[in-house]
């Protein structure tokens, strides 16, 4: 059973956020775009996940500019998400599907994250097997219940997540760290990931024995 993260694992979320920031600067001006990101961080701290819809609501409440909410929602909800997939992301999914069931295991809000996963093509690539939690490392019993398996392979860009999974049940997991995005720094966490690859495309170079911890 293969469990794949989305942001900065299959999809370049850092680049997406940079493009959003540039567009908001042009659309809102310096002061309001700065305030948007302040609210973004406040909401993330409060809810413990990124929530673009709520950030938009709060900005709209502060500025009450006619059409602001609709303009921002239309822009964010219609981003060309497929263009942010990493090269080789869909090929990696197809490769892993040749060995077993592949599912998305993602953190995120209940509105924007599933929309992003659907519109970029990942939902269809994994045949609808998508799970989204606030803290996925705390939801493993739900994962085990929904997808019982003898062995789980988890692919993620965040060593913190992989380390937590290893500590929770190290005999049932193989962890693969993809060195993409700002969080991919394996030296700071223990236990270390079982496998480390430079990019999601390089997952296709791992044998089944490596993926299941045999080699």
Protein backbone atom coordinates (compact mmCIF):
# COMPACT_ATOMS: atom_id res chain seq x y z
CA UNK A 1 0.00 0.00 0.00
CA UNK A 2 1.49 3.32 -1.11
CA UNK A 3 0.55 6.60 0.59
CA UNK A 4 1.64 9.76 -1.21
CA UNK A 5 1.71 13.33 0.04
CA UNK A 6 0.72 16.17 -2.31
CA UNK A 7 2.26 19.56 -1.51
CA UNK A 8 5.93 19.67 -2.53
CA UNK A 9 5.86 15.91 -3.08
CA UNK A 10 3.70 15.58 -6.18
CA UNK A 11 2.84 19.24 -6.70
CA UNK A 12 5.19 22.24 -6.43
CA UNK A 13 3.30 24.15 -3.77
CA UNK A 14 6.19 26.54 -3.12
CA UNK A 15 6.05 27.77 -6.72
CA UNK A 16 2.26 27.96 -6.60
CA UNK A 17 2.42 30.15 -3.50
CA UNK A 18 5.03 32.40 -5.11
CA UNK A 19 2.82 32.90 -8.16
CA UNK A 20 -0.19 33.62 -5.94
CA UNK A 21 1.83 36.18 -3.98
CA UNK A 22 2.90 37.96 -7.15
CA UNK A 23 -0.66 38.09 -8.48
CA UNK A 24 -2.07 39.36 -5.18
CA UNK A 25 0.56 42.10 -5.10
CA UNK A 26 -0.63 43.26 -8.51
CA UNK A 27 -4.32 42.86 -7.67
CA UNK A 28 -4.45 44.27 -4.14
CA UNK A 29 -1.41 46.51 -3.87
CA UNK A 30 1.40 46.24 -1.35
CA UNK A 31 -0.53 47.00 1.86
CA UNK A 32 -3.50 44.73 1.26
CA UNK A 33 -1.42 41.88 -0.11
CA UNK A 34 0.79 42.11 2.99
CA UNK A 35 -2.33 41.99 5.13
CA UNK A 36 -3.57 38.96 3.20
CA UNK A 37 -0.45 36.99 4.14
CA UNK A 38 -0.65 38.18 7.74
CA UNK A 39 -4.19 36.81 7.92
CA UNK A 40 -3.02 33.66 6.13
CA UNK A 41 -0.50 32.99 8.91
CA UNK A 42 -3.00 33.88 11.64
CA UNK A 43 -5.53 31.45 10.21
CA UNK A 44 -2.90 28.73 9.80
CA UNK A 45 -1.86 29.12 13.45
CA UNK A 46 -5.46 29.15 14.62
CA UNK A 47 -6.71 26.20 12.56
CA UNK A 48 -3.39 24.35 12.25
CA UNK A 49 -3.62 24.16 8.47
CA UNK A 50 -3.60 26.51 5.49
CA UNK A 51 -7.11 27.78 4.80
CA UNK A 52 -7.35 30.09 1.79
CA UNK A 53 -11.17 30.40 1.88
CA UNK A 54 -11.17 31.60 5.50
CA UNK A 55 -8.26 33.96 4.79
CA UNK A 56 -10.29 35.50 1.97
CA UNK A 57 -13.33 35.85 4.24
CA UNK A 58 -11.33 37.73 6.86
CA UNK A 59 -9.68 40.03 4.35
CA UNK A 60 -13.10 40.80 2.89
CA UNK A 61 -14.46 41.61 6.35
CA UNK A 62 -11.66 44.10 6.95
CA UNK A 63 -11.78 45.93 3.62
CA UNK A 64 -15.38 45.41 2.48
CA UNK A 65 -14.41 46.11 -1.13
CA UNK A 66 -17.21 45.20 -3.49
CA UNK A 67 -16.46 42.01 -5.37
CA UNK A 68 -13.20 41.35 -3.51
CA UNK A 69 -14.25 37.98 -2.11
CA UNK A 70 -15.55 36.74 -5.45
CA UNK A 71 -12.47 37.97 -7.32
CA UNK A 72 -10.05 36.24 -4.97
CA UNK A 73 -12.03 33.00 -4.80
CA UNK A 74 -12.35 32.90 -8.58
CA UNK A 75 -8.62 33.41 -9.02
CA UNK A 76 -7.51 30.87 -6.41
CA UNK A 77 -10.08 28.23 -7.27
CA UNK A 78 -9.28 28.39 -10.98
CA UNK A 79 -5.51 28.27 -10.85
CA UNK A 80 -3.93 25.97 -13.48
CA UNK A 81 -3.08 23.39 -10.83
CA UNK A 82 -1.97 20.73 -13.31
CA UNK A 83 0.85 23.03 -14.38
CA UNK A 84 2.33 22.81 -10.89
CA UNK A 85 2.74 19.03 -10.88
CA UNK A 86 6.38 18.05 -10.64
CA UNK A 87 7.89 16.41 -13.73
CA UNK A 88 7.46 12.68 -13.34
CA UNK A 89 4.72 12.90 -10.69
CA UNK A 90 2.09 11.05 -12.69
CA UNK A 91 4.68 8.58 -13.97
CA UNK A 92 5.68 7.83 -10.37
CA UNK A 93 2.06 7.10 -9.49
CA UNK A 94 1.73 4.75 -12.46
CA UNK A 95 4.97 3.01 -11.47
CA UNK A 96 3.83 2.46 -7.89
CA UNK A 97 0.42 1.25 -9.07
CA UNK A 98 2.21 -1.59 -10.84
CA UNK A 99 3.10 -2.91 -7.36
CA UNK A 100 -0.04 -2.16 -5.37
CA UNK A 101 -2.75 0.27 -4.36
CA UNK A 102 -1.79 3.96 -4.34
CA UNK A 103 -3.63 6.60 -2.31
CA UNK A 104 -3.18 10.28 -1.53
CA UNK A 105 -2.58 11.06 2.16
CA UNK A 106 -2.55 14.84 2.53
CA UNK A 107 -2.84 17.60 5.08
CA UNK A 108 -5.11 20.53 4.32
CA UNK A 109 -8.42 22.32 4.54
CA UNK A 110 -11.68 20.65 3.49
CA UNK A 111 -12.36 23.01 0.55
CA UNK A 112 -9.25 24.21 -1.28
CA UNK A 113 -7.08 21.11 -0.85
CA UNK A 114 -9.53 18.59 -2.34
CA UNK A 115 -10.28 21.02 -5.17
CA UNK A 116 -6.56 21.35 -5.92
CA UNK A 117 -6.07 17.58 -5.84
CA UNK A 118 -9.02 17.03 -8.16
CA UNK A 119 -8.22 19.79 -10.66
CA UNK A 120 -4.54 18.92 -11.03
CA UNK A 121 -5.46 15.36 -12.00
CA UNK A 122 -4.13 13.55 -8.93
CA UNK A 123 -7.53 12.34 -7.76
CA UNK A 124 -8.16 10.52 -11.01
CA UNK A 125 -4.56 9.28 -11.13
CA UNK A 126 -5.10 7.40 -7.84
CA UNK A 127 -8.61 6.27 -8.82
CA UNK A 128 -10.27 8.45 -6.20
CA UNK A 129 -8.30 7.12 -3.23
CA UNK A 130 -7.80 10.44 -1.43
CA UNK A 131 -7.56 11.13 2.30
CA UNK A 132 -7.15 14.65 3.71
CA UNK A 133 -6.59 15.34 7.40
CA UNK A 134 -5.49 18.29 9.52
CA UNK A 135 -2.67 16.21 11.02
CA UNK A 136 -2.35 13.03 9.01
CA UNK A 137 0.26 11.53 11.34
CA UNK A 138 -2.42 11.51 14.04
CA UNK A 139 -4.97 9.77 11.83
CA UNK A 140 -3.17 6.51 11.14
CA UNK A 141 -5.87 4.34 12.76
CA UNK A 142 -8.34 5.77 10.22
CA UNK A 143 -5.91 5.00 7.41
CA UNK A 144 -5.39 1.43 8.66
CA UNK A 145 -9.14 0.89 8.90
CA UNK A 146 -9.87 2.24 5.45
CA UNK A 147 -6.90 0.57 3.75
CA UNK A 148 -5.73 -2.53 5.63
CA UNK A 149 -2.36 -3.79 4.38
CA UNK A 150 0.64 -5.78 5.56
CA UNK A 151 3.06 -3.00 4.66
CA UNK A 152 2.76 0.72 3.95
CA UNK A 153 5.14 2.84 1.89
CA UNK A 154 4.85 6.55 2.67
CA UNK A 155 6.28 9.13 0.26
CA UNK A 156 6.57 12.68 1.61
CA UNK A 157 8.75 15.81 1.49
CA UNK A 158 8.54 16.43 5.24
CA UNK A 159 10.97 14.43 7.40
CA UNK A 160 8.97 15.45 10.48
CA UNK A 161 5.99 13.49 9.16
CA UNK A 162 8.08 10.49 8.15
CA UNK A 163 9.87 10.42 11.50
CA UNK A 164 6.56 10.48 13.34
CA UNK A 165 5.30 7.56 11.25
CA UNK A 166 8.46 5.56 11.93
CA UNK A 167 8.09 6.09 15.67
CA UNK A 168 4.42 5.16 15.60
CA UNK A 169 4.85 1.79 13.94
CA UNK A 170 8.29 1.26 12.38
CA UNK A 171 7.72 -2.38 11.40
CA UNK A 172 4.81 -1.58 9.08
CA UNK A 173 6.28 1.40 7.24
CA UNK A 174 8.88 2.16 4.65
CA UNK A 175 9.42 5.91 4.48
CA UNK A 176 10.64 7.68 1.35
CA UNK A 177 11.78 11.30 1.60
CA UNK A 178 11.55 13.36 -1.59
CA UNK A 179 14.08 16.21 -1.48
CA UNK A 180 11.75 18.88 -2.85
CA UNK A 181 10.50 22.01 -1.14
CA UNK A 182 11.64 23.98 1.86
CA UNK A 183 10.95 21.29 4.48
CA UNK A 184 13.13 18.54 2.97
CA UNK A 185 16.04 18.55 5.45
CA UNK A 186 16.58 14.96 6.66
CA UNK A 187 19.52 15.60 9.00
CA UNK A 188 17.34 17.22 11.65
CA UNK A 189 15.14 14.21 12.39
CA UNK A 190 15.45 10.74 13.84
CA UNK A 191 14.80 8.09 12.80
CA UNK A 192 15.96 9.00 9.32
CA UNK A 193 13.89 8.05 6.27
CA UNK A 194 14.44 4.58 4.86
CA UNK A 195 15.01 5.95 1.35
CA UNK A 196 15.90 9.44 0.13
CA UNK A 197 15.40 10.50 -3.49
CA UNK A 198 16.18 13.86 -5.14
CA UNK A 199 12.79 14.17 -6.83
CA UNK A 200 9.45 12.41 -7.18
CA UNK A 201 10.54 11.21 -10.62
CA UNK A 202 13.36 9.26 -8.95
CA UNK A 203 10.84 7.07 -7.13
CA UNK A 204 10.66 5.15 -10.41
CA UNK A 205 14.27 4.12 -9.82
CA UNK A 206 13.48 2.34 -6.55
CA UNK A 207 12.95 -1.40 -6.76
CA UNK A 208 10.08 -3.15 -5.03
CA UNK A 209 12.57 -4.56 -2.51
CA UNK A 210 13.79 -1.05 -1.69
CA UNK A 211 10.25 0.26 -1.43
CA UNK A 212 9.23 -2.49 0.97
CA UNK A 213 12.38 -2.37 3.08
CA UNK A 214 13.75 -5.73 1.97
CA UNK A 215 16.95 -4.35 0.45
